[in-house]
Amino acid sequence: MIETLGEAYDAGWRIHARCAQGKLKGMKSIPECLERDELDLKTLMWTRGEMFPLERLESRLKCPCCWSRRVAVWFERTANVRRARMVARP
């Protein structure tokens, strides 16, 4: 079972996110934000660390268009891709 960013990277997963703000802000009707993108897993590992749990990722993101913290994340497994990371040795 894959639970961390490092494990997802090693397995060759892709991570996608979209804004989940919706059409209402309180009682006001607003234009729906349709922002979506693929997240760079390598950059996430640089900023969050390879042991960062995937289940907490959604709560740490913000839409770059409307700045909403309501973001949906989904994971895509790629067929039979395994990445080997280089480990620096002293």
PDB file of N, CA and C in Angstrom:
ATOM      1  N   MET A   1       0.837  -1.183   0.000  1.00  0.00           N
ATOM      2  CA  MET A   1       0.000   0.000   0.000  1.00  0.00           C
ATOM      3  C   MET A   1       0.891   1.259   0.000  1.00  0.00           C
ATOM      4  N   ILE A   2       0.590   2.174  -0.879  1.00  0.00           N
ATOM      5  CA  ILE A   2       1.388   3.401  -1.017  1.00  0.00           C
ATOM      6  C   ILE A   2       0.766   4.508  -0.177  1.00  0.00           C
ATOM      7  N   GLU A   3       1.553   5.055   0.762  1.00  0.00           N
ATOM      8  CA  GLU A   3       1.017   6.030   1.699  1.00  0.00           C
ATOM      9  C   GLU A   3       1.778   7.359   1.727  1.00  0.00           C
ATOM     10  N   THR A   4       2.977   7.422   1.132  1.00  0.00           N
ATOM     11  CA  THR A   4       3.773   8.646   1.199  1.00  0.00           C
ATOM     12  C   THR A   4       4.130   9.144  -0.202  1.00  0.00           C
ATOM     13  N   LEU A   5       4.586  10.401  -0.264  1.00  0.00           N
ATOM     14  CA  LEU A   5       5.010  10.974  -1.539  1.00  0.00           C
ATOM     15  C   LEU A   5       6.167  10.183  -2.149  1.00  0.00           C
ATOM     16  N   GLY A   6       7.114   9.770  -1.329  1.00  0.00           N
ATOM     17  CA  GLY A   6       8.263   9.008  -1.807  1.00  0.00           C
ATOM     18  C   GLY A   6       7.848   7.685  -2.419  1.00  0.00           C
ATOM     19  N   GLU A   7       6.916   6.996  -1.778  1.00  0.00           N
ATOM     20  CA  GLU A   7       6.432   5.723  -2.305  1.00  0.00           C
ATOM     21  C   GLU A   7       5.670   5.924  -3.608  1.00  0.00           C
ATOM     22  N   ALA A   8       4.888   6.994  -3.690  1.00  0.00           N
ATOM     23  CA  ALA A   8       4.140   7.295  -4.915  1.00  0.00           C
ATOM     24  C   ALA A   8       5.103   7.621  -6.051  1.00  0.00           C
ATOM     25  N   TYR A   9       6.170   8.347  -5.752  1.00  0.00           N
ATOM     26  CA  TYR A   9       7.175   8.678  -6.761  1.00  0.00           C
ATOM     27  C   TYR A   9       7.870   7.415  -7.264  1.00  0.00           C
ATOM     28  N   ASP A  10       8.270   6.564  -6.335  1.00  0.00           N
ATOM     29  CA  ASP A  10       8.944   5.323  -6.701  1.00  0.00           C
ATOM     30  C   ASP A  10       8.055   4.428  -7.563  1.00  0.00           C
ATOM     31  N   ALA A  11       6.754   4.456  -7.308  1.00  0.00           N
ATOM     32  CA  ALA A  11       5.810   3.616  -8.055  1.00  0.00           C
ATOM     33  C   ALA A  11       5.428   4.242  -9.402  1.00  0.00           C
ATOM     34  N   GLY A  12       5.864   5.483  -9.638  1.00  0.00           N
ATOM     35  CA  GLY A  12       5.564   6.130 -10.915  1.00  0.00           C
ATOM     36  C   GLY A  12       4.173   6.730 -10.988  1.00  0.00           C
ATOM     37  N   TRP A  13       3.585   7.032  -9.832  1.00  0.00           N
ATOM     38  CA  TRP A  13       2.249   7.621  -9.809  1.00  0.00           C
ATOM     39  C   TRP A  13       2.277   9.051 -10.327  1.00  0.00           C
ATOM     40  N   ARG A  14       1.121   9.518 -10.789  1.00  0.00           N
ATOM     41  CA  ARG A  14       0.916  10.922 -11.162  1.00  0.00           C
ATOM     42  C   ARG A  14      -0.170  11.471 -10.238  1.00  0.00           C
ATOM     43  N   ILE A  15      -0.023  12.740  -9.838  1.00  0.00           N
ATOM     44  CA  ILE A  15      -0.985  13.370  -8.927  1.00  0.00           C
ATOM     45  C   ILE A  15      -1.633  14.551  -9.633  1.00  0.00           C
ATOM     46  N   HIS A  16      -2.955  14.602  -9.578  1.00  0.00           N
ATOM     47  CA  HIS A  16      -3.726  15.672 -10.202  1.00  0.00           C
ATOM     48  C   HIS A  16      -4.529  16.400  -9.131  1.00  0.00           C
ATOM     49  N   ALA A  17      -4.780  17.686  -9.355  1.00  0.00           N
ATOM     50  CA  ALA A  17      -5.586  18.477  -8.425  1.00  0.00           C
ATOM     51  C   ALA A  17      -6.519  19.388  -9.208  1.00  0.00           C
ATOM     52  N   ARG A  18      -7.667  19.688  -8.603  1.00  0.00           N
ATOM     53  CA  ARG A  18      -8.602  20.645  -9.192  1.00  0.00           C
ATOM     54  C   ARG A  18      -9.225  21.462  -8.080  1.00  0.00           C
ATOM     55  N   CYS A  19      -9.651  22.662  -8.453  1.00  0.00           N
ATOM     56  CA  CYS A  19     -10.329  23.529  -7.494  1.00  0.00           C
ATOM     57  C   CYS A  19     -11.719  22.973  -7.241  1.00  0.00           C
ATOM     58  N   ALA A  20     -12.135  22.946  -5.998  1.00  0.00           N
ATOM     59  CA  ALA A  20     -13.455  22.428  -5.630  1.00  0.00           C
ATOM     60  C   ALA A  20     -14.302  23.520  -4.979  1.00  0.00           C
ATOM     61  N   GLN A  21     -14.023  24.778  -5.311  1.00  0.00           N
ATOM     62  CA  GLN A  21     -14.717  25.910  -4.689  1.00  0.00           C
ATOM     63  C   GLN A  21     -16.219  25.881  -4.947  1.00  0.00           C
ATOM     64  N   GLY A  22     -16.636  25.569  -6.161  1.00  0.00           N
ATOM     65  CA  GLY A  22     -18.065  25.550  -6.460  1.00  0.00           C
ATOM     66  C   GLY A  22     -18.569  26.900  -6.942  1.00  0.00           C
ATOM     67  N   LYS A  23     -19.888  27.045  -7.001  1.00  0.00           N
ATOM     68  CA  LYS A  23     -20.501  28.254  -7.559  1.00  0.00           C
ATOM     69  C   LYS A  23     -21.033  29.211  -6.503  1.00  0.00           C
ATOM     70  N   LEU A  24     -20.942  28.823  -5.237  1.00  0.00           N
ATOM     71  CA  LEU A  24     -21.451  29.687  -4.167  1.00  0.00           C
ATOM     72  C   LEU A  24     -20.358  30.004  -3.162  1.00  0.00           C
ATOM     73  N   LYS A  25     -20.370  31.246  -2.686  1.00  0.00           N
ATOM     74  CA  LYS A  25     -19.498  31.659  -1.596  1.00  0.00           C
ATOM     75  C   LYS A  25     -20.414  32.279  -0.567  1.00  0.00           C
ATOM     76  N   GLY A  26     -20.747  31.490   0.435  1.00  0.00           N
ATOM     77  CA  GLY A  26     -21.776  31.914   1.379  1.00  0.00           C
ATOM     78  C   GLY A  26     -23.109  31.881   0.670  1.00  0.00           C
ATOM     79  N   MET A  27     -23.820  33.008   0.632  1.00  0.00           N
ATOM     80  CA  MET A  27     -25.104  33.095  -0.057  1.00  0.00           C
ATOM     81  C   MET A  27     -24.975  33.736  -1.435  1.00  0.00           C
ATOM     82  N   LYS A  28     -23.745  34.121  -1.811  1.00  0.00           N
ATOM     83  CA  LYS A  28     -23.532  34.786  -3.097  1.00  0.00           C
ATOM     84  C   LYS A  28     -23.172  33.784  -4.181  1.00  0.00           C
ATOM     85  N   SER A  29     -23.663  34.032  -5.364  1.00  0.00           N
ATOM     86  CA  SER A  29     -23.315  33.230  -6.526  1.00  0.00           C
ATOM     87  C   SER A  29     -22.058  33.823  -7.163  1.00  0.00           C
ATOM     88  N   ILE A  30     -21.067  32.970  -7.388  1.00  0.00           N
ATOM     89  CA  ILE A  30     -19.812  33.413  -7.991  1.00  0.00           C
ATOM     90  C   ILE A  30     -19.502  32.519  -9.187  1.00  0.00           C
ATOM     91  N   PRO A  31     -18.648  32.986 -10.101  1.00  0.00           N
ATOM     92  CA  PRO A  31     -18.253  32.124 -11.216  1.00  0.00           C
ATOM     93  C   PRO A  31     -17.484  30.906 -10.690  1.00  0.00           C
ATOM     94  N   GLU A  32     -17.768  29.758 -11.233  1.00  0.00           N
ATOM     95  CA  GLU A  32     -17.099  28.536 -10.803  1.00  0.00           C
ATOM     96  C   GLU A  32     -15.649  28.532 -11.300  1.00  0.00           C
ATOM     97  N   CYS A  33     -14.722  28.183 -10.433  1.00  0.00           N
ATOM     98  CA  CYS A  33     -13.315  28.087 -10.802  1.00  0.00           C
ATOM     99  C   CYS A  33     -13.083  26.700 -11.398  1.00  0.00           C
ATOM    100  N   LEU A  34     -12.551  26.660 -12.600  1.00  0.00           N
ATOM    101  CA  LEU A  34     -12.334  25.400 -13.301  1.00  0.00           C
ATOM    102  C   LEU A  34     -10.858  25.008 -13.366  1.00  0.00           C
ATOM    103  N   GLU A  35     -10.057  25.589 -12.507  1.00  0.00           N
ATOM    104  CA  GLU A  35      -8.615  25.337 -12.516  1.00  0.00           C
ATOM    105  C   GLU A  35      -8.318  23.883 -12.163  1.00  0.00           C
ATOM    106  N   ARG A  36      -7.469  23.247 -12.959  1.00  0.00           N
ATOM    107  CA  ARG A  36      -7.001  21.888 -12.681  1.00  0.00           C
ATOM    108  C   ARG A  36      -5.634  21.714 -13.303  1.00  0.00           C
ATOM    109  N   ASP A  37      -4.832  20.825 -12.711  1.00  0.00           N
ATOM    110  CA  ASP A  37      -3.479  20.649 -13.209  1.00  0.00           C
ATOM    111  C   ASP A  37      -2.890  19.364 -12.637  1.00  0.00           C
ATOM    112  N   GLU A  38      -1.816  18.906 -13.268  1.00  0.00           N
ATOM    113  CA  GLU A  38      -1.043  17.798 -12.725  1.00  0.00           C
ATOM    114  C   GLU A  38       0.020  18.387 -11.816  1.00  0.00           C
ATOM    115  N   LEU A  39       0.175  17.815 -10.637  1.00  0.00           N
ATOM    116  CA  LEU A  39       1.175  18.301  -9.692  1.00  0.00           C
ATOM    117  C   LEU A  39       2.501  17.601  -9.950  1.00  0.00           C
ATOM    118  N   ASP A  40       3.594  18.328  -9.786  1.00  0.00           N
ATOM    119  CA  ASP A  40       4.917  17.754  -9.990  1.00  0.00           C
ATOM    120  C   ASP A  40       5.342  17.032  -8.714  1.00  0.00           C
ATOM    121  N   LEU A  41       5.399  15.729  -8.792  1.00  0.00           N
ATOM    122  CA  LEU A  41       5.691  14.912  -7.625  1.00  0.00           C
ATOM    123  C   LEU A  41       7.096  15.160  -7.075  1.00  0.00           C
ATOM    124  N   LYS A  42       8.035  15.416  -7.964  1.00  0.00           N
ATOM    125  CA  LYS A  42       9.403  15.668  -7.518  1.00  0.00           C
ATOM    126  C   LYS A  42       9.483  16.975  -6.716  1.00  0.00           C
ATOM    127  N   THR A  43       8.777  18.013  -7.168  1.00  0.00           N
ATOM    128  CA  THR A  43       8.760  19.278  -6.436  1.00  0.00           C
ATOM    129  C   THR A  43       8.055  19.110  -5.091  1.00  0.00           C
ATOM    130  N   LEU A  44       6.984  18.340  -5.055  1.00  0.00           N
ATOM    131  CA  LEU A  44       6.307  18.082  -3.784  1.00  0.00           C
ATOM    132  C   LEU A  44       7.240  17.381  -2.805  1.00  0.00           C
ATOM    133  N   MET A  45       8.060  16.466  -3.300  1.00  0.00           N
ATOM    134  CA  MET A  45       9.010  15.793  -2.415  1.00  0.00           C
ATOM    135  C   MET A  45      10.066  16.771  -1.893  1.00  0.00           C
ATOM    136  N   TRP A  46      10.495  17.730  -2.730  1.00  0.00           N
ATOM    137  CA  TRP A  46      11.453  18.744  -2.292  1.00  0.00           C
ATOM    138  C   TRP A  46      10.857  19.630  -1.207  1.00  0.00           C
ATOM    139  N   THR A  47       9.587  19.995  -1.351  1.00  0.00           N
ATOM    140  CA  THR A  47       8.987  20.957  -0.421  1.00  0.00           C
ATOM    141  C   THR A  47       8.349  20.307   0.803  1.00  0.00           C
ATOM    142  N   ARG A  48       7.818  19.120   0.661  1.00  0.00           N
ATOM    143  CA  ARG A  48       7.117  18.458   1.766  1.00  0.00           C
ATOM    144  C   ARG A  48       7.908  17.315   2.393  1.00  0.00           C
ATOM    145  N   GLY A  49       8.835  16.750   1.648  1.00  0.00           N
ATOM    146  CA  GLY A  49       9.612  15.609   2.143  1.00  0.00           C
ATOM    147  C   GLY A  49       9.025  14.305   1.629  1.00  0.00           C
ATOM    148  N   GLU A  50       9.897  13.321   1.463  1.00  0.00           N
ATOM    149  CA  GLU A  50       9.440  12.053   0.884  1.00  0.00           C
ATOM    150  C   GLU A  50       8.535  11.253   1.814  1.00  0.00           C
ATOM    151  N   MET A  51       8.559  11.550   3.103  1.00  0.00           N
ATOM    152  CA  MET A  51       7.714  10.820   4.061  1.00  0.00           C
ATOM    153  C   MET A  51       6.360  11.500   4.292  1.00  0.00           C
ATOM    154  N   PHE A  52       6.054  12.564   3.531  1.00  0.00           N
ATOM    155  CA  PHE A  52       4.783  13.276   3.704  1.00  0.00           C
ATOM    156  C   PHE A  52       3.632  12.351   3.314  1.00  0.00           C
ATOM    157  N   PRO A  53       2.615  12.194   4.174  1.00  0.00           N
ATOM    158  CA  PRO A  53       1.498  11.291   3.873  1.00  0.00           C
ATOM    159  C   PRO A  53       0.584  11.835   2.775  1.00  0.00           C
ATOM    160  N   LEU A  54       0.214  10.977   1.847  1.00  0.00           N
ATOM    161  CA  LEU A  54      -0.671  11.365   0.755  1.00  0.00           C
ATOM    162  C   LEU A  54      -2.036  11.829   1.261  1.00  0.00           C
ATOM    163  N   GLU A  55      -2.500  11.277   2.365  1.00  0.00           N
ATOM    164  CA  GLU A  55      -3.820  11.636   2.881  1.00  0.00           C
ATOM    165  C   GLU A  55      -3.890  13.080   3.378  1.00  0.00           C
ATOM    166  N   ARG A  56      -2.750  13.710   3.678  1.00  0.00           N
ATOM    167  CA  ARG A  56      -2.727  15.100   4.150  1.00  0.00           C
ATOM    168  C   ARG A  56      -2.476  16.112   3.037  1.00  0.00           C
ATOM    169  N   LEU A  57      -2.199  15.637   1.824  1.00  0.00           N
ATOM    170  CA  LEU A  57      -1.829  16.525   0.732  1.00  0.00           C
ATOM    171  C   LEU A  57      -2.940  17.511   0.381  1.00  0.00           C
ATOM    172  N   GLU A  58      -4.171  17.031   0.322  1.00  0.00           N
ATOM    173  CA  GLU A  58      -5.317  17.874  -0.045  1.00  0.00           C
ATOM    174  C   GLU A  58      -5.437  19.096   0.870  1.00  0.00           C
ATOM    175  N   SER A  59      -5.184  18.908   2.152  1.00  0.00           N
ATOM    176  CA  SER A  59      -5.340  19.998   3.117  1.00  0.00           C
ATOM    177  C   SER A  59      -4.208  21.022   3.044  1.00  0.00           C
ATOM    178  N   ARG A  60      -3.146  20.726   2.329  1.00  0.00           N
ATOM    179  CA  ARG A  60      -2.007  21.627   2.239  1.00  0.00           C
ATOM    180  C   ARG A  60      -1.961  22.431   0.939  1.00  0.00           C
ATOM    181  N   LEU A  61      -2.955  22.265   0.067  1.00  0.00           N
ATOM    182  CA  LEU A  61      -2.947  22.928  -1.229  1.00  0.00           C
ATOM    183  C   LEU A  61      -3.929  24.095  -1.272  1.00  0.00           C
ATOM    184  N   LYS A  62      -3.660  25.016  -2.198  1.00  0.00           N
ATOM    185  CA  LYS A  62      -4.524  26.181  -2.406  1.00  0.00           C
ATOM    186  C   LYS A  62      -4.598  26.425  -3.913  1.00  0.00           C
ATOM    187  N   CYS A  63      -5.787  26.733  -4.424  1.00  0.00           N
ATOM    188  CA  CYS A  63      -5.968  27.000  -5.848  1.00  0.00           C
ATOM    189  C   CYS A  63      -5.187  28.264  -6.231  1.00  0.00           C
ATOM    190  N   PRO A  64      -4.341  28.197  -7.280  1.00  0.00           N
ATOM    191  CA  PRO A  64      -3.568  29.374  -7.671  1.00  0.00           C
ATOM    192  C   PRO A  64      -4.401  30.432  -8.391  1.00  0.00           C
ATOM    193  N   CYS A  65      -5.626  30.092  -8.768  1.00  0.00           N
ATOM    194  CA  CYS A  65      -6.488  31.039  -9.487  1.00  0.00           C
ATOM    195  C   CYS A  65      -7.358  31.866  -8.530  1.00  0.00           C
ATOM    196  N   CYS A  66      -8.098  31.171  -7.670  1.00  0.00           N
ATOM    197  CA  CYS A  66      -9.053  31.871  -6.797  1.00  0.00           C
ATOM    198  C   CYS A  66      -8.639  31.835  -5.317  1.00  0.00           C
ATOM    199  N   TRP A  67      -7.534  31.175  -5.005  1.00  0.00           N
ATOM    200  CA  TRP A  67      -6.978  31.074  -3.661  1.00  0.00           C
ATOM    201  C   TRP A  67      -7.833  30.283  -2.687  1.00  0.00           C
ATOM    202  N   SER A  68      -8.757  29.495  -3.201  1.00  0.00           N
ATOM    203  CA  SER A  68      -9.596  28.657  -2.344  1.00  0.00           C
ATOM    204  C   SER A  68      -8.773  27.499  -1.783  1.00  0.00           C
ATOM    205  N   ARG A  69      -9.062  27.140  -0.553  1.00  0.00           N
ATOM    206  CA  ARG A  69      -8.415  25.975   0.058  1.00  0.00           C
ATOM    207  C   ARG A  69      -9.204  24.693  -0.208  1.00  0.00           C
ATOM    208  N   ARG A  70     -10.341  24.824  -0.870  1.00  0.00           N
ATOM    209  CA  ARG A  70     -11.139  23.643  -1.229  1.00  0.00           C
ATOM    210  C   ARG A  70     -10.567  23.061  -2.527  1.00  0.00           C
ATOM    211  N   VAL A  71      -9.750  22.032  -2.369  1.00  0.00           N
ATOM    212  CA  VAL A  71      -9.055  21.414  -3.498  1.00  0.00           C
ATOM    213  C   VAL A  71      -9.288  19.913  -3.454  1.00  0.00           C
ATOM    214  N   ALA A  72      -9.553  19.317  -4.616  1.00  0.00           N
ATOM    215  CA  ALA A  72      -9.709  17.866  -4.726  1.00  0.00           C
ATOM    216  C   ALA A  72      -8.455  17.296  -5.380  1.00  0.00           C
ATOM    217  N   VAL A  73      -7.962  16.194  -4.850  1.00  0.00           N
ATOM    218  CA  VAL A  73      -6.756  15.550  -5.355  1.00  0.00           C
ATOM    219  C   VAL A  73      -7.085  14.120  -5.736  1.00  0.00           C
ATOM    220  N   TRP A  74      -6.529  13.654  -6.867  1.00  0.00           N
ATOM    221  CA  TRP A  74      -6.666  12.241  -7.217  1.00  0.00           C
ATOM    222  C   TRP A  74      -5.343  11.734  -7.771  1.00  0.00           C
ATOM    223  N   PHE A  75      -5.169  10.438  -7.675  1.00  0.00           N
ATOM    224  CA  PHE A  75      -3.908   9.799  -8.035  1.00  0.00           C
ATOM    225  C   PHE A  75      -4.132   8.882  -9.231  1.00  0.00           C
ATOM    226  N   GLU A  76      -3.143   8.863 -10.118  1.00  0.00           N
ATOM    227  CA  GLU A  76      -3.212   8.020 -11.307  1.00  0.00           C
ATOM    228  C   GLU A  76      -2.007   7.088 -11.296  1.00  0.00           C
ATOM    229  N   ARG A  77      -2.291   5.817 -11.356  1.00  0.00           N
ATOM    230  CA  ARG A  77      -1.205   4.840 -11.425  1.00  0.00           C
ATOM    231  C   ARG A  77      -0.831   4.639 -12.883  1.00  0.00           C
ATOM    232  N   THR A  78       0.437   4.717 -13.183  1.00  0.00           N
ATOM    233  CA  THR A  78       0.885   4.451 -14.541  1.00  0.00           C
ATOM    234  C   THR A  78       1.290   2.992 -14.628  1.00  0.00           C
ATOM    235  N   ALA A  79       1.096   2.393 -15.773  1.00  0.00           N
ATOM    236  CA  ALA A  79       1.303   0.958 -15.939  1.00  0.00           C
ATOM    237  C   ALA A  79       2.771   0.574 -15.823  1.00  0.00           C
ATOM    238  N   ASN A  80       3.074  -0.239 -14.838  1.00  0.00           N
ATOM    239  CA  ASN A  80       4.390  -0.867 -14.672  1.00  0.00           C
ATOM    240  C   ASN A  80       5.579   0.085 -14.733  1.00  0.00           C
ATOM    241  N   VAL A  81       5.449   1.256 -14.136  1.00  0.00           N
ATOM    242  CA  VAL A  81       6.569   2.200 -14.079  1.00  0.00           C
ATOM    243  C   VAL A  81       7.142   2.145 -12.670  1.00  0.00           C
ATOM    244  N   ARG A  82       8.424   1.874 -12.580  1.00  0.00           N
ATOM    245  CA  ARG A  82       9.113   1.895 -11.285  1.00  0.00           C
ATOM    246  C   ARG A  82      10.308   2.821 -11.425  1.00  0.00           C
ATOM    247  N   ARG A  83      10.454   3.754 -10.508  1.00  0.00           N
ATOM    248  CA  ARG A  83      11.590   4.661 -10.540  1.00  0.00           C
ATOM    249  C   ARG A  83      12.557   4.279  -9.433  1.00  0.00           C
ATOM    250  N   ALA A  84      13.800   4.312  -9.750  1.00  0.00           N
ATOM    251  CA  ALA A  84      14.822   4.066  -8.745  1.00  0.00           C
ATOM    252  C   ALA A  84      15.491   5.395  -8.421  1.00  0.00           C
ATOM    253  N   ARG A  85      15.471   5.757  -7.158  1.00  0.00           N
ATOM    254  CA  ARG A  85      16.104   7.010  -6.736  1.00  0.00           C
ATOM    255  C   ARG A  85      17.550   6.763  -6.369  1.00  0.00           C
ATOM    256  N   MET A  86      18.367   7.744  -6.696  1.00  0.00           N
ATOM    257  CA  MET A  86      19.775   7.662  -6.315  1.00  0.00           C
ATOM    258  C   MET A  86      19.914   8.112  -4.867  1.00  0.00           C
ATOM    259  N   VAL A  87      20.646   7.363  -4.090  1.00  0.00           N
ATOM    260  CA  VAL A  87      20.871   7.709  -2.690  1.00  0.00           C
ATOM    261  C   VAL A  87      22.322   8.136  -2.538  1.00  0.00           C
ATOM    262  N   ALA A  88      22.524   9.339  -2.023  1.00  0.00           N
ATOM    263  CA  ALA A  88      23.887   9.843  -1.814  1.00  0.00           C
ATOM    264  C   ALA A  88      24.517   9.119  -0.633  1.00  0.00           C
ATOM    265  N   ARG A  89      25.716   8.658  -0.844  1.00  0.00           N
ATOM    266  CA  ARG A  89      26.433   7.971   0.230  1.00  0.00           C
ATOM    267  C   ARG A  89      27.668   8.776   0.598  1.00  0.00           C
ATOM    268  N   PRO A  90      27.952   8.863   1.892  1.00  0.00           N
ATOM    269  CA  PRO A  90      29.117   9.645   2.338  1.00  0.00           C
ATOM    270  C   PRO A  90      30.429   9.048   1.920  1.00  0.00           C
TER     271      PRO A  90
END
